[in-house]
Amino acid sequence: MSETRTGFGVDSHRLVAGRPLILGGVLFESELGLDGHSDADVLTHAVIDALLGAAGLGDIGTHFPDSDERWRGADSIDLLSKVAGMLVGAGFDVINVDATVIIEQPKIGPQREAIVDRLAGALGVDVSRVNVKATTAEQIGAFGRGEGAGASAVATLRTS
């Protein structure tokens, strides 16, 4: 008998000069990038946490702690691939991932398809199982002032 599980993930990072802006494994042209121990890809980090949560396998910090130098500058898509392997090993199949990026600029729409391709590829699923949206914070709060970006994600898994 299969079981269906759902998990939720959220992440945020400050925007700073001198860092690349990577969202969903795609490099965006921007004067500011996200600050963090790895590549600080908030979108991929939220997806990772949603998947790990659904599987009951902890969170991103449990598996890839910022106190471990192995993960400094890590490509978050590589981390997502590792999580996909953990899910398979634990007997789960990815049914669906739905994620939202919160950022004032740049616009995500022109790169949405590339993001979905990268996330789906890392998970080993068809692109129809991954959805990515974007919104702004309407100039409210730190995200609205362009001081940072965030993302949230929901993942649904089924036991295989």
N, C-alpha and C. Protein backbone atom coordinates (compact mmCIF):
# COMPACT_ATOMS: atom_id res chain seq x y z
N MET A 1 0.84 -1.18 0.00
CA MET A 1 0.00 0.00 0.00
C MET A 1 0.89 1.25 0.00
N SER A 2 0.65 2.16 -0.95
CA SER A 2 1.47 3.36 -0.99
C SER A 2 0.89 4.43 -0.08
N GLU A 3 1.77 5.31 0.33
CA GLU A 3 1.40 6.41 1.21
C GLU A 3 1.80 7.72 0.53
N THR A 4 0.99 8.75 0.65
CA THR A 4 1.30 10.06 0.09
C THR A 4 1.65 11.00 1.24
N ARG A 5 2.72 11.77 1.04
CA ARG A 5 3.18 12.72 2.06
C ARG A 5 3.44 14.08 1.43
N THR A 6 3.25 15.12 2.22
CA THR A 6 3.48 16.48 1.76
C THR A 6 4.43 17.18 2.71
N GLY A 7 5.34 17.98 2.16
CA GLY A 7 6.27 18.75 2.96
C GLY A 7 6.33 20.19 2.49
N PHE A 8 6.74 21.08 3.37
CA PHE A 8 6.83 22.51 3.08
C PHE A 8 8.24 22.98 3.36
N GLY A 9 8.76 23.83 2.48
CA GLY A 9 10.08 24.41 2.69
C GLY A 9 10.07 25.90 2.44
N VAL A 10 10.94 26.60 3.14
CA VAL A 10 11.06 28.05 2.97
C VAL A 10 12.53 28.43 3.19
N ASP A 11 12.99 29.44 2.47
CA ASP A 11 14.35 29.92 2.64
C ASP A 11 14.41 31.39 2.27
N SER A 12 15.39 32.09 2.81
CA SER A 12 15.63 33.48 2.44
C SER A 12 17.11 33.79 2.64
N HIS A 13 17.60 34.71 1.83
CA HIS A 13 18.98 35.17 1.93
C HIS A 13 19.04 36.66 1.58
N ARG A 14 20.05 37.33 2.12
CA ARG A 14 20.28 38.74 1.80
C ARG A 14 20.84 38.87 0.39
N LEU A 15 20.51 39.96 -0.28
CA LEU A 15 21.12 40.31 -1.56
C LEU A 15 22.32 41.22 -1.29
N VAL A 16 23.46 40.89 -1.89
CA VAL A 16 24.69 41.65 -1.69
C VAL A 16 25.43 41.79 -3.02
N ALA A 17 26.29 42.78 -3.07
CA ALA A 17 27.15 42.97 -4.25
C ALA A 17 28.25 41.90 -4.24
N GLY A 18 28.71 41.53 -5.42
CA GLY A 18 29.85 40.63 -5.53
C GLY A 18 29.51 39.14 -5.48
N ARG A 19 28.23 38.82 -5.51
CA ARG A 19 27.82 37.41 -5.52
C ARG A 19 26.94 37.17 -6.74
N PRO A 20 26.99 35.97 -7.31
CA PRO A 20 26.08 35.66 -8.43
C PRO A 20 24.66 35.45 -7.91
N LEU A 21 23.69 35.77 -8.74
CA LEU A 21 22.29 35.52 -8.42
C LEU A 21 21.87 34.24 -9.13
N ILE A 22 21.69 33.19 -8.34
CA ILE A 22 21.30 31.88 -8.87
C ILE A 22 19.96 31.51 -8.26
N LEU A 23 19.00 31.20 -9.11
CA LEU A 23 17.67 30.80 -8.67
C LEU A 23 17.27 29.55 -9.45
N GLY A 24 16.99 28.48 -8.73
CA GLY A 24 16.62 27.23 -9.39
C GLY A 24 17.72 26.70 -10.29
N GLY A 25 18.95 26.98 -9.93
CA GLY A 25 20.09 26.49 -10.70
C GLY A 25 20.41 27.31 -11.94
N VAL A 26 19.73 28.44 -12.11
CA VAL A 26 19.93 29.29 -13.29
C VAL A 26 20.57 30.61 -12.85
N LEU A 27 21.63 30.99 -13.55
CA LEU A 27 22.32 32.25 -13.27
C LEU A 27 21.57 33.40 -13.93
N PHE A 28 21.25 34.43 -13.14
CA PHE A 28 20.58 35.62 -13.63
C PHE A 28 21.57 36.77 -13.71
N GLU A 29 21.39 37.62 -14.71
CA GLU A 29 22.19 38.84 -14.77
C GLU A 29 21.66 39.80 -13.73
N SER A 30 22.52 40.19 -12.81
CA SER A 30 22.11 41.07 -11.72
C SER A 30 23.34 41.66 -11.07
N GLU A 31 23.21 42.89 -10.59
CA GLU A 31 24.31 43.52 -9.86
C GLU A 31 24.44 42.94 -8.46
N LEU A 32 23.37 42.34 -7.96
CA LEU A 32 23.36 41.76 -6.63
C LEU A 32 23.11 40.26 -6.71
N GLY A 33 23.71 39.54 -5.76
CA GLY A 33 23.48 38.10 -5.66
C GLY A 33 23.15 37.73 -4.24
N LEU A 34 22.77 36.50 -4.04
CA LEU A 34 22.37 36.04 -2.72
C LEU A 34 23.58 35.60 -1.91
N ASP A 35 23.61 36.03 -0.65
CA ASP A 35 24.72 35.76 0.25
C ASP A 35 24.44 34.48 1.03
N GLY A 36 25.40 33.59 1.07
CA GLY A 36 25.24 32.36 1.83
C GLY A 36 26.48 31.49 1.74
N HIS A 37 26.46 30.40 2.51
CA HIS A 37 27.59 29.48 2.56
C HIS A 37 27.77 28.75 1.24
N SER A 38 26.65 28.30 0.67
CA SER A 38 26.69 27.63 -0.64
C SER A 38 26.47 28.71 -1.70
N ASP A 39 25.83 28.35 -2.80
CA ASP A 39 25.50 29.35 -3.81
C ASP A 39 24.28 30.19 -3.42
N ALA A 40 23.67 29.86 -2.27
CA ALA A 40 22.55 30.62 -1.67
C ALA A 40 21.31 30.64 -2.56
N ASP A 41 21.10 29.59 -3.32
CA ASP A 41 19.95 29.48 -4.22
C ASP A 41 18.70 29.23 -3.39
N VAL A 42 17.99 30.30 -3.02
CA VAL A 42 16.83 30.18 -2.12
C VAL A 42 15.76 29.28 -2.68
N LEU A 43 15.55 29.29 -3.96
CA LEU A 43 14.52 28.46 -4.57
C LEU A 43 14.83 26.98 -4.39
N THR A 44 16.03 26.59 -4.76
CA THR A 44 16.41 25.19 -4.63
C THR A 44 16.45 24.76 -3.17
N HIS A 45 16.89 25.66 -2.28
CA HIS A 45 16.92 25.33 -0.86
C HIS A 45 15.51 25.08 -0.32
N ALA A 46 14.55 25.89 -0.73
CA ALA A 46 13.16 25.69 -0.29
C ALA A 46 12.63 24.35 -0.81
N VAL A 47 12.95 24.02 -2.05
CA VAL A 47 12.53 22.73 -2.62
C VAL A 47 13.16 21.58 -1.84
N ILE A 48 14.44 21.68 -1.53
CA ILE A 48 15.12 20.64 -0.76
C ILE A 48 14.43 20.44 0.59
N ASP A 49 14.14 21.52 1.29
CA ASP A 49 13.50 21.39 2.59
C ASP A 49 12.10 20.80 2.48
N ALA A 50 11.36 21.16 1.44
CA ALA A 50 10.03 20.59 1.25
C ALA A 50 10.12 19.08 1.04
N LEU A 51 11.06 18.65 0.23
CA LEU A 51 11.23 17.22 -0.05
C LEU A 51 11.67 16.45 1.19
N LEU A 52 12.66 16.99 1.88
CA LEU A 52 13.14 16.33 3.09
C LEU A 52 12.04 16.28 4.15
N GLY A 53 11.27 17.35 4.26
CA GLY A 53 10.17 17.37 5.21
C GLY A 53 9.12 16.32 4.90
N ALA A 54 8.76 16.20 3.64
CA ALA A 54 7.76 15.21 3.25
C ALA A 54 8.23 13.79 3.56
N ALA A 55 9.52 13.56 3.41
CA ALA A 55 10.08 12.23 3.66
C ALA A 55 10.42 12.00 5.13
N GLY A 56 10.33 13.05 5.95
CA GLY A 56 10.70 12.91 7.35
C GLY A 56 12.19 12.73 7.55
N LEU A 57 12.97 13.38 6.68
CA LEU A 57 14.44 13.21 6.70
C LEU A 57 15.17 14.46 7.18
N GLY A 58 14.54 15.26 8.02
CA GLY A 58 15.22 16.43 8.56
C GLY A 58 15.11 17.62 7.63
N ASP A 59 16.19 18.40 7.56
CA ASP A 59 16.20 19.61 6.74
C ASP A 59 17.56 19.78 6.08
N ILE A 60 17.67 20.83 5.29
CA ILE A 60 18.90 21.07 4.52
C ILE A 60 20.11 21.22 5.45
N GLY A 61 19.91 21.87 6.59
CA GLY A 61 21.02 22.07 7.53
C GLY A 61 21.49 20.78 8.18
N THR A 62 20.62 19.80 8.27
CA THR A 62 21.00 18.49 8.81
C THR A 62 21.98 17.79 7.88
N HIS A 63 21.71 17.87 6.59
CA HIS A 63 22.50 17.13 5.61
C HIS A 63 23.66 17.92 5.01
N PHE A 64 23.50 19.25 4.94
CA PHE A 64 24.52 20.11 4.32
C PHE A 64 24.78 21.32 5.20
N PRO A 65 25.28 21.13 6.41
CA PRO A 65 25.42 22.24 7.36
C PRO A 65 26.42 23.30 6.91
N ASP A 66 26.11 24.55 7.23
CA ASP A 66 27.02 25.64 6.86
C ASP A 66 28.28 25.64 7.71
N SER A 67 28.35 24.78 8.70
CA SER A 67 29.56 24.62 9.50
C SER A 67 30.55 23.65 8.85
N ASP A 68 30.15 23.02 7.75
CA ASP A 68 30.99 22.04 7.06
C ASP A 68 31.54 22.68 5.79
N GLU A 69 32.84 22.80 5.72
CA GLU A 69 33.50 23.46 4.59
C GLU A 69 33.29 22.73 3.27
N ARG A 70 32.89 21.45 3.31
CA ARG A 70 32.61 20.72 2.06
C ARG A 70 31.52 21.41 1.26
N TRP A 71 30.63 22.11 1.94
CA TRP A 71 29.48 22.71 1.27
C TRP A 71 29.67 24.18 0.95
N ARG A 72 30.85 24.75 1.27
CA ARG A 72 31.10 26.16 0.93
C ARG A 72 31.10 26.31 -0.60
N GLY A 73 30.26 27.20 -1.09
CA GLY A 73 30.16 27.44 -2.52
C GLY A 73 29.47 26.34 -3.29
N ALA A 74 28.84 25.41 -2.59
CA ALA A 74 28.21 24.26 -3.25
C ALA A 74 27.13 24.69 -4.23
N ASP A 75 27.03 23.96 -5.31
CA ASP A 75 25.97 24.13 -6.30
C ASP A 75 24.72 23.46 -5.73
N SER A 76 23.70 24.25 -5.48
CA SER A 76 22.49 23.72 -4.84
C SER A 76 21.77 22.69 -5.70
N ILE A 77 21.93 22.75 -7.01
CA ILE A 77 21.34 21.72 -7.87
C ILE A 77 22.02 20.38 -7.60
N ASP A 78 23.32 20.39 -7.32
CA ASP A 78 24.00 19.15 -6.93
C ASP A 78 23.46 18.63 -5.60
N LEU A 79 23.18 19.54 -4.67
CA LEU A 79 22.60 19.14 -3.39
C LEU A 79 21.22 18.53 -3.60
N LEU A 80 20.44 19.14 -4.50
CA LEU A 80 19.11 18.61 -4.80
C LEU A 80 19.22 17.20 -5.40
N SER A 81 20.19 16.99 -6.25
CA SER A 81 20.41 15.63 -6.81
C SER A 81 20.73 14.63 -5.71
N LYS A 82 21.53 15.05 -4.73
CA LYS A 82 21.84 14.17 -3.60
C LYS A 82 20.57 13.85 -2.81
N VAL A 83 19.72 14.85 -2.61
CA VAL A 83 18.47 14.64 -1.89
C VAL A 83 17.57 13.69 -2.69
N ALA A 84 17.53 13.84 -4.00
CA ALA A 84 16.74 12.92 -4.84
C ALA A 84 17.20 11.49 -4.62
N GLY A 85 18.50 11.29 -4.52
CA GLY A 85 19.03 9.96 -4.24
C GLY A 85 18.62 9.45 -2.86
N MET A 86 18.61 10.34 -1.87
CA MET A 86 18.16 9.97 -0.52
C MET A 86 16.70 9.53 -0.55
N LEU A 87 15.88 10.26 -1.33
CA LEU A 87 14.47 9.92 -1.41
C LEU A 87 14.26 8.54 -2.01
N VAL A 88 14.97 8.27 -3.10
CA VAL A 88 14.88 6.95 -3.73
C VAL A 88 15.31 5.88 -2.73
N GLY A 89 16.41 6.13 -2.02
CA GLY A 89 16.91 5.17 -1.03
C GLY A 89 15.94 4.93 0.11
N ALA A 90 15.12 5.94 0.41
CA ALA A 90 14.14 5.82 1.49
C ALA A 90 12.79 5.32 0.97
N GLY A 91 12.71 5.05 -0.34
CA GLY A 91 11.49 4.48 -0.90
C GLY A 91 10.43 5.47 -1.32
N PHE A 92 10.84 6.68 -1.72
CA PHE A 92 9.88 7.70 -2.14
C PHE A 92 10.02 8.06 -3.61
N ASP A 93 8.89 8.39 -4.23
CA ASP A 93 8.85 8.96 -5.57
C ASP A 93 8.30 10.37 -5.46
N VAL A 94 8.87 11.29 -6.24
CA VAL A 94 8.38 12.67 -6.26
C VAL A 94 7.15 12.74 -7.15
N ILE A 95 6.04 13.19 -6.57
CA ILE A 95 4.81 13.36 -7.32
C ILE A 95 4.72 14.78 -7.88
N ASN A 96 5.04 15.76 -7.04
CA ASN A 96 4.87 17.16 -7.46
C ASN A 96 5.71 18.08 -6.58
N VAL A 97 6.22 19.12 -7.19
CA VAL A 97 6.87 20.22 -6.48
C VAL A 97 6.28 21.51 -7.01
N ASP A 98 5.86 22.38 -6.11
CA ASP A 98 5.33 23.70 -6.47
C ASP A 98 6.06 24.73 -5.63
N ALA A 99 6.69 25.70 -6.27
CA ALA A 99 7.52 26.66 -5.55
C ALA A 99 7.24 28.09 -6.01
N THR A 100 7.47 29.02 -5.09
CA THR A 100 7.30 30.44 -5.38
C THR A 100 8.54 31.20 -4.91
N VAL A 101 9.08 32.03 -5.78
CA VAL A 101 10.20 32.91 -5.45
C VAL A 101 9.62 34.29 -5.14
N ILE A 102 10.16 34.93 -4.12
CA ILE A 102 9.77 36.30 -3.77
C ILE A 102 10.99 37.18 -3.97
N ILE A 103 10.94 38.02 -5.00
CA ILE A 103 12.06 38.89 -5.32
C ILE A 103 11.54 40.07 -6.15
N GLU A 104 12.07 41.23 -5.89
CA GLU A 104 11.61 42.42 -6.62
C GLU A 104 12.12 42.42 -8.06
N GLN A 105 13.39 42.09 -8.24
CA GLN A 105 13.96 42.01 -9.57
C GLN A 105 15.19 41.13 -9.52
N PRO A 106 15.53 40.49 -10.58
CA PRO A 106 14.99 40.55 -11.93
C PRO A 106 13.70 39.73 -12.05
N LYS A 107 13.05 39.86 -13.19
CA LYS A 107 11.86 39.09 -13.50
C LYS A 107 12.28 37.62 -13.71
N ILE A 108 11.49 36.72 -13.17
CA ILE A 108 11.78 35.29 -13.25
C ILE A 108 11.22 34.68 -14.53
N GLY A 109 10.10 35.23 -15.01
CA GLY A 109 9.39 34.66 -16.15
C GLY A 109 10.25 34.26 -17.34
N PRO A 110 11.15 35.12 -17.79
CA PRO A 110 11.96 34.75 -18.96
C PRO A 110 12.84 33.52 -18.76
N GLN A 111 13.15 33.18 -17.51
CA GLN A 111 14.01 32.02 -17.21
C GLN A 111 13.23 30.87 -16.58
N ARG A 112 11.92 31.01 -16.45
CA ARG A 112 11.11 29.99 -15.76
C ARG A 112 11.31 28.58 -16.34
N GLU A 113 11.25 28.46 -17.65
CA GLU A 113 11.39 27.14 -18.28
C GLU A 113 12.75 26.52 -17.97
N ALA A 114 13.80 27.32 -18.00
CA ALA A 114 15.14 26.82 -17.69
C ALA A 114 15.22 26.37 -16.23
N ILE A 115 14.58 27.11 -15.34
CA ILE A 115 14.56 26.74 -13.92
C ILE A 115 13.85 25.41 -13.74
N VAL A 116 12.67 25.28 -14.34
CA VAL A 116 11.91 24.03 -14.23
C VAL A 116 12.73 22.87 -14.78
N ASP A 117 13.40 23.07 -15.90
CA ASP A 117 14.25 22.02 -16.48
C ASP A 117 15.35 21.60 -15.51
N ARG A 118 16.00 22.58 -14.87
CA ARG A 118 17.10 22.26 -13.95
C ARG A 118 16.60 21.51 -12.73
N LEU A 119 15.50 21.98 -12.14
CA LEU A 119 14.95 21.32 -10.95
C LEU A 119 14.47 19.91 -11.28
N ALA A 120 13.71 19.77 -12.36
CA ALA A 120 13.20 18.46 -12.76
C ALA A 120 14.35 17.51 -13.08
N GLY A 121 15.36 18.00 -13.77
CA GLY A 121 16.51 17.17 -14.10
C GLY A 121 17.23 16.65 -12.87
N ALA A 122 17.41 17.54 -11.88
CA ALA A 122 18.08 17.12 -10.64
C ALA A 122 17.26 16.09 -9.88
N LEU A 123 15.94 16.19 -10.00
CA LEU A 123 15.05 15.25 -9.31
C LEU A 123 14.80 13.98 -10.11
N GLY A 124 15.14 14.00 -11.39
CA GLY A 124 14.89 12.84 -12.23
C GLY A 124 13.42 12.63 -12.52
N VAL A 125 12.68 13.74 -12.64
CA VAL A 125 11.24 13.66 -12.94
C VAL A 125 10.92 14.48 -14.18
N ASP A 126 9.76 14.24 -14.75
CA ASP A 126 9.30 15.00 -15.90
C ASP A 126 9.02 16.44 -15.46
N VAL A 127 9.23 17.38 -16.38
CA VAL A 127 9.00 18.80 -16.07
C VAL A 127 7.55 19.08 -15.66
N SER A 128 6.63 18.22 -16.03
CA SER A 128 5.23 18.43 -15.66
C SER A 128 5.00 18.26 -14.16
N ARG A 129 5.99 17.73 -13.46
CA ARG A 129 5.87 17.53 -12.01
C ARG A 129 6.45 18.69 -11.20
N VAL A 130 6.99 19.69 -11.89
CA VAL A 130 7.62 20.83 -11.21
C VAL A 130 6.97 22.12 -11.70
N ASN A 131 6.56 22.96 -10.78
CA ASN A 131 5.97 24.25 -11.11
C ASN A 131 6.71 25.34 -10.33
N VAL A 132 7.03 26.43 -11.01
CA VAL A 132 7.72 27.55 -10.38
C VAL A 132 6.97 28.83 -10.71
N LYS A 133 6.75 29.63 -9.67
CA LYS A 133 6.08 30.92 -9.81
C LYS A 133 6.96 31.98 -9.16
N ALA A 134 6.62 33.23 -9.42
CA ALA A 134 7.35 34.32 -8.79
C ALA A 134 6.37 35.43 -8.43
N THR A 135 6.75 36.16 -7.41
CA THR A 135 5.98 37.33 -6.99
C THR A 135 6.93 38.35 -6.42
N THR A 136 6.47 39.56 -6.29
CA THR A 136 7.23 40.59 -5.60
C THR A 136 6.61 40.79 -4.23
N ALA A 137 7.28 41.57 -3.41
CA ALA A 137 6.75 41.91 -2.09
C ALA A 137 6.09 43.29 -2.12
N GLU A 138 5.86 43.82 -3.33
CA GLU A 138 5.17 45.11 -3.50
C GLU A 138 5.82 46.23 -2.69
N GLN A 139 7.16 46.20 -2.64
CA GLN A 139 7.96 47.22 -1.96
C GLN A 139 7.70 47.27 -0.46
N ILE A 140 7.21 46.16 0.12
CA ILE A 140 6.95 46.08 1.55
C ILE A 140 8.04 45.23 2.20
N GLY A 141 8.62 45.72 3.28
CA GLY A 141 9.61 44.96 4.04
C GLY A 141 10.94 44.82 3.32
N ALA A 142 11.80 43.96 3.89
CA ALA A 142 13.15 43.79 3.38
C ALA A 142 13.18 43.27 1.95
N PHE A 143 12.32 42.31 1.63
CA PHE A 143 12.27 41.82 0.25
C PHE A 143 11.81 42.93 -0.68
N GLY A 144 10.82 43.67 -0.27
CA GLY A 144 10.28 44.75 -1.08
C GLY A 144 11.26 45.88 -1.32
N ARG A 145 12.18 46.08 -0.38
CA ARG A 145 13.23 47.09 -0.54
C ARG A 145 14.42 46.55 -1.32
N GLY A 146 14.36 45.29 -1.76
CA GLY A 146 15.45 44.69 -2.53
C GLY A 146 16.63 44.29 -1.67
N GLU A 147 16.41 44.08 -0.38
CA GLU A 147 17.49 43.69 0.52
C GLU A 147 17.72 42.18 0.55
N GLY A 148 16.78 41.44 0.00
CA GLY A 148 16.91 40.00 0.02
C GLY A 148 15.88 39.35 -0.88
N ALA A 149 15.88 38.04 -0.87
CA ALA A 149 14.91 37.26 -1.64
C ALA A 149 14.55 36.02 -0.83
N GLY A 150 13.41 35.49 -1.14
CA GLY A 150 12.96 34.29 -0.44
C GLY A 150 12.24 33.36 -1.39
N ALA A 151 11.95 32.19 -0.89
CA ALA A 151 11.20 31.20 -1.67
C ALA A 151 10.50 30.26 -0.71
N SER A 152 9.39 29.73 -1.19
CA SER A 152 8.68 28.68 -0.46
C SER A 152 8.37 27.57 -1.46
N ALA A 153 8.20 26.37 -0.93
CA ALA A 153 7.92 25.23 -1.80
C ALA A 153 7.08 24.20 -1.05
N VAL A 154 6.27 23.50 -1.80
CA VAL A 154 5.49 22.38 -1.31
C VAL A 154 5.85 21.18 -2.19
N ALA A 155 6.10 20.06 -1.54
CA ALA A 155 6.42 18.84 -2.29
C ALA A 155 5.50 17.71 -1.85
N THR A 156 5.08 16.91 -2.81
CA THR A 156 4.28 15.74 -2.54
C THR A 156 5.05 14.50 -2.98
N LEU A 157 5.15 13.55 -2.07
CA LEU A 157 5.87 12.31 -2.33
C LEU A 157 4.92 11.13 -2.14
N ARG A 158 5.26 10.03 -2.79
CA ARG A 158 4.52 8.79 -2.59
C ARG A 158 5.55 7.69 -2.30
N THR A 159 5.19 6.81 -1.40
CA THR A 159 6.08 5.69 -1.15
C THR A 159 6.02 4.76 -2.36
N SER A 160 7.19 4.25 -2.73
CA SER A 160 7.24 3.39 -3.92
C SER A 160 6.99 1.94 -3.58
